Amino acid sequence: MDLDELRISRAAVVTVAQAASVFGVDVRTVARAIENGELPAVRLGRRVLIPRLPLLAVLGVTADDAVVEGPGVGVGDQ
């Protein structure tokens, strides 16, 4: 998963592996960030999930930001 996929996703949460892919880091780095309180997370049994909108906020973007399809072409430009 990359940042554009994260922005357009309708999922409420992402996995630790998906978040690691967006950040370009190892899953252990994301797990440490969750343990340190740097990233919000929801624990469901043994699963750890990260709410998508707060994750976007950590990245400094919103779901409403235009996703670039190509040079100078945004979603709203079609």
PDB file of N, CA and C in Angstrom:
ATOM      1  N   MET A   1       0.854  -1.179   0.000  1.00  0.00           N
ATOM      2  CA  MET A   1       0.000   0.000   0.000  1.00  0.00           C
ATOM      3  C   MET A   1       0.896   1.237   0.000  1.00  0.00           C
ATOM      4  N   ASP A   2       0.512   2.222  -0.812  1.00  0.00           N
ATOM      5  CA  ASP A   2       1.251   3.485  -0.815  1.00  0.00           C
ATOM      6  C   ASP A   2       0.320   4.598  -0.326  1.00  0.00           C
ATOM      7  N   LEU A   3       0.836   5.809  -0.262  1.00  0.00           N
ATOM      8  CA  LEU A   3       0.075   6.931   0.281  1.00  0.00           C
ATOM      9  C   LEU A   3      -1.188   7.208  -0.526  1.00  0.00           C
ATOM     10  N   ASP A   4      -1.115   7.135  -1.843  1.00  0.00           N
ATOM     11  CA  ASP A   4      -2.301   7.375  -2.669  1.00  0.00           C
ATOM     12  C   ASP A   4      -3.377   6.332  -2.395  1.00  0.00           C
ATOM     13  N   GLU A   5      -2.986   5.075  -2.271  1.00  0.00           N
ATOM     14  CA  GLU A   5      -3.951   4.014  -1.961  1.00  0.00           C
ATOM     15  C   GLU A   5      -4.570   4.231  -0.587  1.00  0.00           C
ATOM     16  N   LEU A   6      -3.758   4.687   0.358  1.00  0.00           N
ATOM     17  CA  LEU A   6      -4.264   4.962   1.702  1.00  0.00           C
ATOM     18  C   LEU A   6      -5.293   6.087   1.666  1.00  0.00           C
ATOM     19  N   ARG A   7      -5.023   7.129   0.903  1.00  0.00           N
ATOM     20  CA  ARG A   7      -5.954   8.267   0.808  1.00  0.00           C
ATOM     21  C   ARG A   7      -7.299   7.863   0.235  1.00  0.00           C
ATOM     22  N   ILE A   8      -7.298   7.045  -0.805  1.00  0.00           N
ATOM     23  CA  ILE A   8      -8.563   6.715  -1.474  1.00  0.00           C
ATOM     24  C   ILE A   8      -9.263   5.503  -0.874  1.00  0.00           C
ATOM     25  N   SER A   9      -8.613   4.822   0.041  1.00  0.00           N
ATOM     26  CA  SER A   9      -9.201   3.644   0.674  1.00  0.00           C
ATOM     27  C   SER A   9     -10.450   4.028   1.451  1.00  0.00           C
ATOM     28  N   ARG A  10     -11.403   3.117   1.487  1.00  0.00           N
ATOM     29  CA  ARG A  10     -12.614   3.330   2.276  1.00  0.00           C
ATOM     30  C   ARG A  10     -12.550   2.566   3.589  1.00  0.00           C
ATOM     31  N   ALA A  11     -11.467   1.835   3.805  1.00  0.00           N
ATOM     32  CA  ALA A  11     -11.310   1.059   5.032  1.00  0.00           C
ATOM     33  C   ALA A  11     -11.137   1.991   6.224  1.00  0.00           C
ATOM     34  N   ALA A  12     -11.721   1.615   7.340  1.00  0.00           N
ATOM     35  CA  ALA A  12     -11.601   2.427   8.553  1.00  0.00           C
ATOM     36  C   ALA A  12     -10.239   2.254   9.208  1.00  0.00           C
ATOM     37  N   VAL A  13      -9.633   1.087   9.006  1.00  0.00           N
ATOM     38  CA  VAL A  13      -8.348   0.785   9.639  1.00  0.00           C
ATOM     39  C   VAL A  13      -7.406   0.136   8.640  1.00  0.00           C
ATOM     40  N   VAL A  14      -6.112   0.174   8.962  1.00  0.00           N
ATOM     41  CA  VAL A  14      -5.104  -0.532   8.167  1.00  0.00           C
ATOM     42  C   VAL A  14      -4.291  -1.399   9.111  1.00  0.00           C
ATOM     43  N   THR A  15      -3.634  -2.390   8.559  1.00  0.00           N
ATOM     44  CA  THR A  15      -2.794  -3.266   9.369  1.00  0.00           C
ATOM     45  C   THR A  15      -1.444  -2.607   9.622  1.00  0.00           C
ATOM     46  N   VAL A  16      -0.709  -3.176  10.554  1.00  0.00           N
ATOM     47  CA  VAL A  16       0.638  -2.690  10.836  1.00  0.00           C
ATOM     48  C   VAL A  16       1.502  -2.837   9.585  1.00  0.00           C
ATOM     49  N   ALA A  17       1.339  -3.941   8.860  1.00  0.00           N
ATOM     50  CA  ALA A  17       2.127  -4.164   7.640  1.00  0.00           C
ATOM     51  C   ALA A  17       1.803  -3.114   6.578  1.00  0.00           C
ATOM     52  N   GLN A  18       0.532  -2.766   6.428  1.00  0.00           N
ATOM     53  CA  GLN A  18       0.155  -1.741   5.455  1.00  0.00           C
ATOM     54  C   GLN A  18       0.719  -0.379   5.849  1.00  0.00           C
ATOM     55  N   ALA A  19       0.660  -0.041   7.127  1.00  0.00           N
ATOM     56  CA  ALA A  19       1.220   1.232   7.591  1.00  0.00           C
ATOM     57  C   ALA A  19       2.727   1.265   7.362  1.00  0.00           C
ATOM     58  N   ALA A  20       3.397   0.148   7.619  1.00  0.00           N
ATOM     59  CA  ALA A  20       4.844   0.076   7.397  1.00  0.00           C
ATOM     60  C   ALA A  20       5.162   0.308   5.926  1.00  0.00           C
ATOM     61  N   SER A  21       4.337  -0.232   5.046  1.00  0.00           N
ATOM     62  CA  SER A  21       4.538  -0.043   3.615  1.00  0.00           C
ATOM     63  C   SER A  21       4.392   1.427   3.228  1.00  0.00           C
ATOM     64  N   VAL A  22       3.398   2.101   3.797  1.00  0.00           N
ATOM     65  CA  VAL A  22       3.186   3.526   3.510  1.00  0.00           C
ATOM     66  C   VAL A  22       4.383   4.346   3.975  1.00  0.00           C
ATOM     67  N   PHE A  23       4.878   4.050   5.177  1.00  0.00           N
ATOM     68  CA  PHE A  23       6.018   4.781   5.729  1.00  0.00           C
ATOM     69  C   PHE A  23       7.344   4.362   5.109  1.00  0.00           C
ATOM     70  N   GLY A  24       7.381   3.175   4.507  1.00  0.00           N
ATOM     71  CA  GLY A  24       8.632   2.669   3.948  1.00  0.00           C
ATOM     72  C   GLY A  24       9.591   2.189   5.022  1.00  0.00           C
ATOM     73  N   VAL A  25       9.024   1.621   6.095  1.00  0.00           N
ATOM     74  CA  VAL A  25       9.834   1.119   7.201  1.00  0.00           C
ATOM     75  C   VAL A  25       9.435  -0.318   7.515  1.00  0.00           C
ATOM     76  N   ASP A  26      10.184  -0.943   8.401  1.00  0.00           N
ATOM     77  CA  ASP A  26       9.902  -2.307   8.825  1.00  0.00           C
ATOM     78  C   ASP A  26       8.689  -2.318   9.761  1.00  0.00           C
ATOM     79  N   VAL A  27       7.973  -3.431   9.808  1.00  0.00           N
ATOM     80  CA  VAL A  27       6.806  -3.541  10.684  1.00  0.00           C
ATOM     81  C   VAL A  27       7.183  -3.357  12.152  1.00  0.00           C
ATOM     82  N   ARG A  28       8.392  -3.734  12.526  1.00  0.00           N
ATOM     83  CA  ARG A  28       8.827  -3.554  13.920  1.00  0.00           C
ATOM     84  C   ARG A  28       8.936  -2.076  14.278  1.00  0.00           C
ATOM     85  N   THR A  29       9.296  -1.245  13.317  1.00  0.00           N
ATOM     86  CA  THR A  29       9.373   0.198  13.555  1.00  0.00           C
ATOM     87  C   THR A  29       7.984   0.753  13.839  1.00  0.00           C
ATOM     88  N   VAL A  30       6.993   0.309  13.084  1.00  0.00           N
ATOM     89  CA  VAL A  30       5.612   0.741  13.314  1.00  0.00           C
ATOM     90  C   VAL A  30       5.130   0.222  14.667  1.00  0.00           C
ATOM     91  N   ALA A  31       5.446  -1.018  14.997  1.00  0.00           N
ATOM     92  CA  ALA A  31       5.045  -1.584  16.288  1.00  0.00           C
ATOM     93  C   ALA A  31       5.635  -0.776  17.444  1.00  0.00           C
ATOM     94  N   ARG A  32       6.884  -0.372  17.318  1.00  0.00           N
ATOM     95  CA  ARG A  32       7.509   0.459  18.364  1.00  0.00           C
ATOM     96  C   ARG A  32       6.827   1.818  18.463  1.00  0.00           C
ATOM     97  N   ALA A  33       6.477   2.406  17.323  1.00  0.00           N
ATOM     98  CA  ALA A  33       5.790   3.701  17.330  1.00  0.00           C
ATOM     99  C   ALA A  33       4.442   3.589  18.036  1.00  0.00           C
ATOM    100  N   ILE A  34       3.760   2.472  17.848  1.00  0.00           N
ATOM    101  CA  ILE A  34       2.482   2.241  18.531  1.00  0.00           C
ATOM    102  C   ILE A  34       2.723   2.097  20.033  1.00  0.00           C
ATOM    103  N   GLU A  35       3.714   1.297  20.405  1.00  0.00           N
ATOM    104  CA  GLU A  35       4.035   1.093  21.822  1.00  0.00           C
ATOM    105  C   GLU A  35       4.428   2.397  22.503  1.00  0.00           C
ATOM    106  N   ASN A  36       5.118   3.282  21.784  1.00  0.00           N
ATOM    107  CA  ASN A  36       5.566   4.563  22.341  1.00  0.00           C
ATOM    108  C   ASN A  36       4.481   5.637  22.309  1.00  0.00           C
ATOM    109  N   GLY A  37       3.315   5.313  21.733  1.00  0.00           N
ATOM    110  CA  GLY A  37       2.230   6.281  21.657  1.00  0.00           C
ATOM    111  C   GLY A  37       2.367   7.275  20.516  1.00  0.00           C
ATOM    112  N   GLU A  38       3.295   7.018  19.596  1.00  0.00           N
ATOM    113  CA  GLU A  38       3.496   7.916  18.460  1.00  0.00           C
ATOM    114  C   GLU A  38       2.453   7.700  17.368  1.00  0.00           C
ATOM    115  N   LEU A  39       1.890   6.503  17.310  1.00  0.00           N
ATOM    116  CA  LEU A  39       0.831   6.177  16.348  1.00  0.00           C
ATOM    117  C   LEU A  39      -0.359   5.619  17.115  1.00  0.00           C
ATOM    118  N   PRO A  40      -1.571   6.043  16.767  1.00  0.00           N
ATOM    119  CA  PRO A  40      -2.753   5.479  17.423  1.00  0.00           C
ATOM    120  C   PRO A  40      -3.001   4.066  16.907  1.00  0.00           C
ATOM    121  N   ALA A  41      -3.542   3.220  17.759  1.00  0.00           N
ATOM    122  CA  ALA A  41      -3.845   1.853  17.340  1.00  0.00           C
ATOM    123  C   ALA A  41      -5.026   1.318  18.132  1.00  0.00           C
ATOM    124  N   VAL A  42      -5.713   0.365  17.515  1.00  0.00           N
ATOM    125  CA  VAL A  42      -6.824  -0.329  18.142  1.00  0.00           C
ATOM    126  C   VAL A  42      -6.430  -1.793  18.214  1.00  0.00           C
ATOM    127  N   ARG A  43      -6.581  -2.377  19.376  1.00  0.00           N
ATOM    128  CA  ARG A  43      -6.264  -3.798  19.529  1.00  0.00           C
ATOM    129  C   ARG A  43      -7.572  -4.583  19.580  1.00  0.00           C
ATOM    130  N   LEU A  44      -7.696  -5.543  18.681  1.00  0.00           N
ATOM    131  CA  LEU A  44      -8.843  -6.446  18.645  1.00  0.00           C
ATOM    132  C   LEU A  44      -8.307  -7.853  18.820  1.00  0.00           C
ATOM    133  N   GLY A  45      -8.399  -8.359  20.031  1.00  0.00           N
ATOM    134  CA  GLY A  45      -7.777  -9.648  20.315  1.00  0.00           C
ATOM    135  C   GLY A  45      -6.279  -9.516  20.140  1.00  0.00           C
ATOM    136  N   ARG A  46      -5.720 -10.336  19.278  1.00  0.00           N
ATOM    137  CA  ARG A  46      -4.280 -10.283  19.022  1.00  0.00           C
ATOM    138  C   ARG A  46      -3.923  -9.370  17.859  1.00  0.00           C
ATOM    139  N   ARG A  47      -4.937  -8.885  17.154  1.00  0.00           N
ATOM    140  CA  ARG A  47      -4.680  -8.003  15.997  1.00  0.00           C
ATOM    141  C   ARG A  47      -4.493  -6.567  16.442  1.00  0.00           C
ATOM    142  N   VAL A  48      -3.577  -5.896  15.787  1.00  0.00           N
ATOM    143  CA  VAL A  48      -3.345  -4.471  16.025  1.00  0.00           C
ATOM    144  C   VAL A  48      -3.674  -3.751  14.720  1.00  0.00           C
ATOM    145  N   LEU A  49      -4.626  -2.825  14.793  1.00  0.00           N
ATOM    146  CA  LEU A  49      -5.066  -2.087  13.616  1.00  0.00           C
ATOM    147  C   LEU A  49      -4.892  -0.596  13.865  1.00  0.00           C
ATOM    148  N   ILE A  50      -4.600   0.135  12.807  1.00  0.00           N
ATOM    149  CA  ILE A  50      -4.354   1.567  12.904  1.00  0.00           C
ATOM    150  C   ILE A  50      -5.483   2.294  12.178  1.00  0.00           C
ATOM    151  N   PRO A  51      -6.196   3.185  12.881  1.00  0.00           N
ATOM    152  CA  PRO A  51      -7.259   3.950  12.220  1.00  0.00           C
ATOM    153  C   PRO A  51      -6.686   4.776  11.059  1.00  0.00           C
ATOM    154  N   ARG A  52      -7.333   4.687   9.909  1.00  0.00           N
ATOM    155  CA  ARG A  52      -6.817   5.311   8.687  1.00  0.00           C
ATOM    156  C   ARG A  52      -6.748   6.831   8.768  1.00  0.00           C
ATOM    157  N   LEU A  53      -7.796   7.492   9.232  1.00  0.00           N
ATOM    158  CA  LEU A  53      -7.796   8.958   9.247  1.00  0.00           C
ATOM    159  C   LEU A  53      -6.742   9.537  10.194  1.00  0.00           C
ATOM    160  N   PRO A  54      -6.586   9.014  11.422  1.00  0.00           N
ATOM    161  CA  PRO A  54      -5.487   9.507  12.260  1.00  0.00           C
ATOM    162  C   PRO A  54      -4.107   9.220  11.656  1.00  0.00           C
ATOM    163  N   LEU A  55      -3.972   8.110  10.944  1.00  0.00           N
ATOM    164  CA  LEU A  55      -2.700   7.808  10.280  1.00  0.00           C
ATOM    165  C   LEU A  55      -2.411   8.858   9.208  1.00  0.00           C
ATOM    166  N   LEU A  56      -3.423   9.215   8.433  1.00  0.00           N
ATOM    167  CA  LEU A  56      -3.247  10.269   7.430  1.00  0.00           C
ATOM    168  C   LEU A  56      -2.857  11.587   8.095  1.00  0.00           C
ATOM    169  N   ALA A  57      -3.463  11.875   9.253  1.00  0.00           N
ATOM    170  CA  ALA A  57      -3.135  13.111   9.975  1.00  0.00           C
ATOM    171  C   ALA A  57      -1.673  13.112  10.418  1.00  0.00           C
ATOM    172  N   VAL A  58      -1.178  11.958  10.864  1.00  0.00           N
ATOM    173  CA  VAL A  58       0.236  11.849  11.253  1.00  0.00           C
ATOM    174  C   VAL A  58       1.124  12.156  10.053  1.00  0.00           C
ATOM    175  N   LEU A  59       0.678  11.752   8.876  1.00  0.00           N
ATOM    176  CA  LEU A  59       1.436  11.987   7.648  1.00  0.00           C
ATOM    177  C   LEU A  59       1.255  13.412   7.119  1.00  0.00           C
ATOM    178  N   GLY A  60       0.341  14.158   7.723  1.00  0.00           N
ATOM    179  CA  GLY A  60       0.125  15.543   7.303  1.00  0.00           C
ATOM    180  C   GLY A  60      -0.750  15.690   6.080  1.00  0.00           C
ATOM    181  N   VAL A  61      -1.560  14.680   5.784  1.00  0.00           N
ATOM    182  CA  VAL A  61      -2.479  14.746   4.646  1.00  0.00           C
ATOM    183  C   VAL A  61      -3.879  14.374   5.110  1.00  0.00           C
ATOM    184  N   THR A  62      -4.861  14.660   4.279  1.00  0.00           N
ATOM    185  CA  THR A  62      -6.230  14.269   4.579  1.00  0.00           C
ATOM    186  C   THR A  62      -6.757  13.396   3.455  1.00  0.00           C
ATOM    187  N   ALA A  63      -7.842  12.723   3.728  1.00  0.00           N
ATOM    188  CA  ALA A  63      -8.461  11.883   2.707  1.00  0.00           C
ATOM    189  C   ALA A  63      -9.024  12.733   1.577  1.00  0.00           C
ATOM    190  N   ASP A  64      -9.267  14.021   1.835  1.00  0.00           N
ATOM    191  CA  ASP A  64      -9.835  14.919   0.830  1.00  0.00           C
ATOM    192  C   ASP A  64      -8.798  15.475  -0.131  1.00  0.00           C
ATOM    193  N   ASP A  65      -7.493  15.330   0.198  1.00  0.00           N
ATOM    194  CA  ASP A  65      -6.450  15.821  -0.705  1.00  0.00           C
ATOM    195  C   ASP A  65      -6.566  15.107  -2.042  1.00  0.00           C
ATOM    196  N   ALA A  66      -6.380  15.843  -3.125  1.00  0.00           N
ATOM    197  CA  ALA A  66      -6.470  15.252  -4.465  1.00  0.00           C
ATOM    198  C   ALA A  66      -5.352  14.249  -4.668  1.00  0.00           C
ATOM    199  N   VAL A  67      -5.690  13.127  -5.255  1.00  0.00           N
ATOM    200  CA  VAL A  67      -4.707  12.109  -5.594  1.00  0.00           C
ATOM    201  C   VAL A  67      -4.256  12.369  -7.016  1.00  0.00           C
ATOM    202  N   VAL A  68      -2.984  12.502  -7.219  1.00  0.00           N
ATOM    203  CA  VAL A  68      -2.447  12.810  -8.540  1.00  0.00           C
ATOM    204  C   VAL A  68      -2.442  11.552  -9.396  1.00  0.00           C
ATOM    205  N   GLU A  69      -3.110  11.619 -10.536  1.00  0.00           N
ATOM    206  CA  GLU A  69      -3.175  10.503 -11.474  1.00  0.00           C
ATOM    207  C   GLU A  69      -2.045  10.555 -12.483  1.00  0.00           C
ATOM    208  N   GLY A  70      -1.552  11.723 -12.753  1.00  0.00           N
ATOM    209  CA  GLY A  70      -0.486  11.917 -13.726  1.00  0.00           C
ATOM    210  C   GLY A  70      -0.043  13.359 -13.635  1.00  0.00           C
ATOM    211  N   PRO A  71       0.841  13.806 -14.508  1.00  0.00           N
ATOM    212  CA  PRO A  71       1.320  15.186 -14.437  1.00  0.00           C
ATOM    213  C   PRO A  71       0.178  16.191 -14.551  1.00  0.00           C
ATOM    214  N   GLY A  72      -0.083  16.898 -13.452  1.00  0.00           N
ATOM    215  CA  GLY A  72      -1.087  17.951 -13.468  1.00  0.00           C
ATOM    216  C   GLY A  72      -2.522  17.486 -13.519  1.00  0.00           C
ATOM    217  N   VAL A  73      -2.773  16.201 -13.289  1.00  0.00           N
ATOM    218  CA  VAL A  73      -4.134  15.687 -13.366  1.00  0.00           C
ATOM    219  C   VAL A  73      -4.539  15.155 -12.006  1.00  0.00           C
ATOM    220  N   GLY A  74      -5.516  15.807 -11.376  1.00  0.00           N
ATOM    221  CA  GLY A  74      -6.042  15.344 -10.103  1.00  0.00           C
ATOM    222  C   GLY A  74      -7.370  14.660 -10.318  1.00  0.00           C
ATOM    223  N   VAL A  75      -7.892  14.045  -9.281  1.00  0.00           N
ATOM    224  CA  VAL A  75      -9.150  13.328  -9.389  1.00  0.00           C
ATOM    225  C   VAL A  75     -10.273  14.265  -9.813  1.00  0.00           C
ATOM    226  N   GLY A  76     -10.297  15.483  -9.281  1.00  0.00           N
ATOM    227  CA  GLY A  76     -11.355  16.426  -9.617  1.00  0.00           C
ATOM    228  C   GLY A  76     -11.218  17.055 -10.990  1.00  0.00           C
ATOM    229  N   ASP A  77     -10.112  16.818 -11.698  1.00  0.00           N
ATOM    230  CA  ASP A  77      -9.866  17.438 -13.000  1.00  0.00           C
ATOM    231  C   ASP A  77     -10.448  16.655 -14.169  1.00  0.00           C
ATOM    232  N   GLN A  78     -11.075  15.545 -13.903  1.00  0.00           N
ATOM    233  CA  GLN A  78     -11.528  14.686 -14.998  1.00  0.00           C
ATOM    234  C   GLN A  78     -12.867  15.097 -15.529  1.00  0.00           C
TER     235      GLN A  78
END
